[in-house]
Protein backbone atom coordinates (compact mmCIF):
# COMPACT_ATOMS: atom_id res chain seq x y z
CA MET A 1 0.00 0.00 0.00
CA SER A 2 1.47 3.40 -0.94
CA ALA A 3 2.03 5.97 1.77
CA VAL A 4 0.10 8.81 0.13
CA PRO A 5 -1.64 9.67 -3.11
CA SER A 6 1.09 10.90 -5.44
CA THR A 7 -0.85 12.63 -8.21
CA ALA A 8 -1.77 16.28 -8.04
CA PRO A 9 -5.51 16.95 -7.74
CA ALA A 10 -7.49 18.50 -10.57
CA PRO A 11 -8.41 22.16 -9.99
CA ASP A 12 -11.99 21.25 -9.07
CA GLU A 13 -11.06 18.27 -6.87
CA PRO A 14 -12.20 18.61 -3.24
CA VAL A 15 -9.70 19.76 -0.62
CA LEU A 16 -10.62 16.77 1.54
CA LEU A 17 -11.07 13.19 0.34
CA ARG A 18 -12.93 10.46 2.23
CA GLU A 19 -12.70 6.73 1.64
CA ASP A 20 -14.58 4.16 3.77
CA ALA A 21 -13.74 0.47 3.98
CA GLY A 22 -14.14 -2.12 6.72
CA GLY A 23 -15.33 0.37 9.34
CA ILE A 24 -12.36 2.69 8.73
CA ALA A 25 -12.83 6.19 7.32
CA THR A 26 -9.65 7.51 5.70
CA LEU A 27 -9.57 11.29 5.39
CA THR A 28 -6.93 12.76 3.09
CA LEU A 29 -5.99 16.43 3.28
CA ASN A 30 -5.87 17.24 -0.41
CA ARG A 31 -3.95 20.47 -0.97
CA PRO A 32 -0.59 18.91 -1.95
CA SER A 33 0.78 21.99 -3.70
CA ALA A 34 0.31 23.96 -0.45
CA ARG A 35 1.69 21.13 1.73
CA ASN A 36 -1.93 20.63 2.89
CA ALA A 37 -1.97 23.94 4.73
CA LEU A 38 -5.17 24.41 6.73
CA SER A 39 -7.12 26.98 4.77
CA LEU A 40 -10.56 27.94 6.00
CA GLY A 41 -11.98 25.80 3.22
CA LEU A 42 -10.03 22.72 4.26
CA MET A 43 -10.85 23.21 7.95
CA GLY A 44 -14.53 23.64 7.08
CA ALA A 45 -14.56 20.48 4.98
CA LEU A 46 -12.81 18.53 7.73
CA GLN A 47 -15.23 19.87 10.35
CA ASP A 48 -18.27 18.91 8.28
CA THR A 49 -16.87 15.43 7.69
CA LEU A 50 -16.09 14.86 11.36
CA ASP A 51 -19.61 16.00 12.27
CA ALA A 52 -21.00 13.40 9.86
CA ILE A 53 -18.67 10.67 11.11
CA ARG A 54 -19.68 11.34 14.72
CA GLU A 55 -23.20 10.18 13.86
CA ASP A 56 -22.10 7.33 11.58
CA ALA A 57 -22.29 4.01 13.44
CA THR A 58 -20.55 2.22 10.56
CA VAL A 59 -17.29 4.11 11.21
CA ARG A 60 -15.14 2.62 13.97
CA VAL A 61 -11.77 4.28 13.29
CA VAL A 62 -10.64 7.42 11.45
CA VAL A 63 -7.30 7.69 9.65
CA LEU A 64 -6.02 11.19 8.90
CA ARG A 65 -3.33 11.62 6.26
CA GLY A 66 -2.04 14.10 3.71
CA ALA A 67 -1.72 13.99 -0.08
CA GLY A 68 1.55 14.80 -1.81
CA PRO A 69 4.92 15.42 -0.16
CA ALA A 70 3.76 16.45 3.32
CA PHE A 71 1.24 15.68 6.05
CA CYS A 72 0.34 19.29 6.91
CA ALA A 73 2.34 22.52 7.01
CA GLY A 74 0.03 24.32 9.45
CA HIS A 75 -2.22 27.27 8.74
CA ASP A 76 -2.36 28.86 5.30
CA LEU A 77 -0.28 31.95 6.03
CA LYS A 78 -0.84 33.40 2.56
CA GLU A 79 -4.59 33.27 3.11
CA MET A 80 -4.20 34.88 6.53
CA ARG A 81 -1.99 37.70 5.24
CA ALA A 82 -4.48 38.38 2.43
CA ASP A 83 -7.04 39.38 5.08
CA PRO A 84 -5.03 40.43 8.14
CA GLY A 85 -7.81 42.11 10.11
CA ARG A 86 -8.71 41.04 13.64
CA GLU A 87 -12.12 39.62 12.69
CA ALA A 88 -10.69 37.39 9.96
CA THR A 89 -7.82 36.27 12.19
CA GLU A 90 -10.18 35.41 15.04
CA ARG A 91 -12.28 33.38 12.61
CA VAL A 92 -9.27 31.28 11.60
CA PHE A 93 -8.28 30.43 15.17
CA ARG A 94 -11.87 29.88 16.36
CA THR A 95 -12.41 27.51 13.43
CA CYS A 96 -9.19 25.68 14.23
CA ALA A 97 -10.00 25.38 17.94
CA LYS A 98 -13.44 23.94 17.16
CA LEU A 99 -11.87 21.48 14.72
CA MET A 100 -9.29 20.26 17.23
CA LEU A 101 -11.94 19.83 19.93
CA SER A 102 -14.07 17.86 17.46
CA LEU A 103 -11.14 15.54 16.76
CA ALA A 104 -10.44 15.08 20.45
CA ARG A 105 -14.10 14.44 21.29
CA LEU A 106 -14.95 12.27 18.30
CA PRO A 107 -16.28 8.92 19.59
CA GLN A 108 -14.10 7.08 17.09
CA PRO A 109 -10.32 6.88 17.64
CA VAL A 110 -8.23 8.94 15.21
CA ILE A 111 -4.90 7.71 13.83
CA ALA A 112 -2.59 10.25 12.20
CA GLN A 113 -0.60 8.79 9.30
CA VAL A 114 2.33 11.18 9.02
CA HIS A 115 4.92 11.63 6.31
CA GLY A 116 7.02 14.62 5.32
CA ILE A 117 6.46 17.62 7.56
CA ALA A 118 3.89 18.20 10.28
CA THR A 119 4.42 21.75 11.43
CA ALA A 120 2.51 24.28 13.55
CA ALA A 121 -1.20 23.40 13.23
CA GLY A 122 -0.09 20.25 11.37
CA CYS A 123 1.86 19.19 14.44
CA GLN A 124 -1.26 20.13 16.43
CA LEU A 125 -3.27 17.66 14.35
CA VAL A 126 -0.77 14.92 15.22
CA ALA A 127 -0.78 15.78 18.92
CA THR A 128 -4.59 15.91 18.96
CA SER A 129 -5.01 12.53 17.26
CA ASP A 130 -5.35 9.55 19.57
CA LEU A 131 -2.53 7.65 17.88
CA ALA A 132 0.14 8.52 15.33
CA ILE A 133 2.39 6.49 13.07
CA CYS A 134 5.03 8.25 11.00
CA THR A 135 7.69 7.49 8.41
CA ARG A 136 11.38 7.64 9.26
CA GLU A 137 11.66 10.78 7.16
CA ALA A 138 8.88 12.67 8.97
CA ARG A 139 9.70 15.93 10.72
CA PHE A 140 7.71 17.80 13.36
CA ALA A 141 7.92 21.43 14.48
CA THR A 142 6.10 24.29 16.16
CA PRO A 143 8.10 26.98 14.35
CA GLY A 144 5.94 30.03 15.00
CA VAL A 145 8.52 31.69 17.24
CA GLN A 146 10.79 31.88 14.19
CA ILE A 147 8.35 34.21 12.39
CA GLY A 148 7.08 36.21 15.35
CA LEU A 149 3.91 34.18 15.90
CA PHE A 150 4.28 31.85 18.90
CA CYS A 151 2.47 28.54 18.37
CA SER A 152 0.03 29.11 21.24
CA THR A 153 -2.84 27.02 19.88
CA PRO A 154 -0.61 24.08 18.84
CA MET A 155 0.83 24.37 22.35
CA VAL A 156 -2.50 23.24 23.85
CA ALA A 157 -2.38 19.86 22.13
CA LEU A 158 1.40 19.47 22.25
CA SER A 159 1.64 20.11 25.99
CA ARG A 160 -0.98 17.41 26.59
CA ALA A 161 0.78 14.87 24.37
CA VAL A 162 4.38 15.15 25.56
CA SER A 163 6.21 16.24 28.70
CA ARG A 164 6.22 19.93 29.63
CA LYS A 165 9.93 20.37 28.99
CA ALA A 166 9.81 18.58 25.66
CA ALA A 167 6.89 20.79 24.60
CA MET A 168 8.63 23.97 25.72
CA GLU A 169 11.81 23.03 23.87
CA MET A 170 9.87 22.60 20.64
CA LEU A 171 7.91 25.81 21.21
CA LEU A 172 10.84 28.00 22.25
CA LEU A 173 13.36 26.79 19.67
CA GLY A 174 10.90 26.36 16.82
CA GLU A 175 13.25 23.84 15.25
CA PRO A 176 12.17 20.57 13.64
CA ILE A 177 12.61 17.25 15.40
CA ASP A 178 13.02 13.99 13.55
CA ALA A 179 10.89 10.87 13.78
CA ALA A 180 13.13 9.17 16.33
CA GLU A 181 12.87 12.14 18.69
CA ALA A 182 9.10 12.37 18.16
CA LEU A 183 8.89 8.72 19.20
CA ARG A 184 11.14 9.28 22.21
CA ILE A 185 9.04 12.13 23.60
CA GLY A 186 5.74 10.37 22.89
CA LEU A 187 4.42 12.52 20.05
CA VAL A 188 4.07 9.42 17.85
CA ASN A 189 3.49 5.75 18.65
CA ARG A 190 5.58 4.11 15.94
CA VAL A 191 8.10 4.92 13.23
CA VAL A 192 8.14 2.79 10.07
CA PRO A 193 9.78 2.86 6.64
CA GLY A 194 7.93 5.06 4.18
CA ASP A 195 6.76 2.21 1.98
CA GLU A 196 5.28 0.41 5.00
CA ILE A 197 3.27 3.18 6.62
CA GLY A 198 0.01 2.48 4.84
CA ASP A 199 0.07 -1.16 5.90
CA ALA A 200 1.15 -0.29 9.46
CA VAL A 201 -1.70 2.19 9.90
CA ALA A 202 -4.22 -0.18 8.31
CA ALA A 203 -3.14 -3.00 10.62
CA MET A 204 -3.58 -0.84 13.71
CA ALA A 205 -6.89 0.55 12.49
CA HIS A 206 -8.30 -2.91 11.79
CA ARG A 207 -7.26 -4.16 15.23
CA ILE A 208 -9.13 -1.28 16.85
CA ALA A 209 -12.10 -1.69 14.51
CA GLY A 210 -12.46 -5.25 15.77
CA LYS A 211 -13.24 -4.04 19.29
CA ALA A 212 -16.73 -3.17 20.55
CA ARG A 213 -17.59 0.25 19.08
CA ARG A 214 -19.49 1.57 22.11
CA VAL A 215 -16.81 0.38 24.52
CA VAL A 216 -14.07 2.12 22.54
CA ALA A 217 -16.17 5.31 22.46
CA ILE A 218 -16.80 5.30 26.20
CA GLY A 219 -13.11 4.65 26.82
CA LYS A 220 -11.90 7.47 24.58
CA GLU A 221 -14.29 9.91 26.21
CA ALA A 222 -13.25 8.84 29.71
CA PHE A 223 -9.55 9.13 28.86
CA GLY A 224 -10.00 12.71 27.69
CA TRP A 225 -11.90 13.82 30.79
CA GLN A 226 -9.95 12.01 33.52
CA ILE A 227 -6.56 13.22 32.37
CA GLU A 228 -7.54 16.80 33.21
CA MET A 229 -8.79 15.90 36.72
CA GLY A 230 -7.11 15.62 40.08
CA LEU A 231 -6.36 12.10 41.30
CA ASP A 232 -9.34 11.74 43.66
CA GLU A 233 -11.79 13.16 41.12
CA ALA A 234 -10.33 11.01 38.33
CA TYR A 235 -10.76 7.78 40.28
CA ALA A 236 -14.32 8.67 41.27
CA TYR A 237 -15.18 9.50 37.68
CA ALA A 238 -13.46 6.38 36.28
CA ALA A 239 -15.26 4.14 38.78
CA GLU A 240 -18.60 5.57 37.62
CA VAL A 241 -17.62 5.05 33.97
CA MET A 242 -16.59 1.43 34.59
CA THR A 243 -19.86 0.78 36.40
CA ARG A 244 -21.79 2.19 33.46
CA ASN A 245 -19.63 0.16 31.06
CA MET A 246 -20.21 -3.03 33.08
CA MET A 247 -23.97 -2.64 32.59
CA MET A 248 -23.55 -2.70 28.80
CA ALA A 249 -24.36 -5.81 26.79
CA ASP A 250 -20.90 -5.79 25.20
CA ALA A 251 -19.22 -6.07 28.61
CA ARG A 252 -21.38 -9.02 29.57
CA GLU A 253 -20.70 -10.67 26.21
CA GLY A 254 -16.97 -10.01 26.42
CA ILE A 255 -16.63 -11.48 29.90
CA ASP A 256 -18.76 -14.51 29.02
CA ALA A 257 -16.68 -15.08 25.88
CA PHE A 258 -13.47 -14.86 27.90
CA ILE A 259 -14.75 -17.38 30.44
CA GLN A 260 -16.05 -19.70 27.71
CA LYS A 261 -12.82 -19.31 25.68
CA ARG A 262 -14.55 -18.16 22.49
CA PRO A 263 -14.42 -15.00 20.34
CA PRO A 264 -16.90 -12.33 21.48
CA ILE A 265 -19.77 -11.22 19.29
CA TRP A 266 -20.18 -7.50 19.81
CA GLU A 267 -23.57 -5.83 19.74
CA GLY A 268 -22.55 -2.95 17.53
């Protein structure tokens, strides 16, 4: 399986492509000539698609990738400089914040399939995704400080994905890190050769897709909430979630299947 689509899109081709197979929705950022920079149009298309996927019970996992030579180069700075007023600028960052929250709160797990560069808001996409697999050649950066625009919104996701000092080093230096360093600090889960990334992501996605959909959704939601809580509050919340989970048919089926040494048959 190839890592990314290699052909340039036609002028009227959509900025976001969606392909569904086996419970996995693959979303491809499709602005290769702009390194998949997040224009308002691309963010709007991604938001609309995530809103649809949220309600789509046939989708169990989402894969996010980029067409062409890069994953995502961040915001479309040319578009932003073309309309530099405060109202337009606020619109860009409000749209981006809503998009990142939608990714984080999507019931389905999101896997980022990263090649080339993932910088600024592109790095934010990786940090926001639940899992990330990258090629050995991938590079990650929050380079805003280099151009006088500190990466404050990417900082929100980055500082929740890696240690504080690792995040601050990336933010303050603005210099790219390689795939090995991204793996070391926990920004990505795995690093694979470029010609293997499609298969590696598909294998992980299919393994997750084989789990009970509602159980995965309740677990992802609980993970996101508990990590922001104090220890006492987190345990109280997690105990309530596990109680609610235990009352679900899938939990009863899963435990019975384990005891009876047979594969479970999930409800949904």
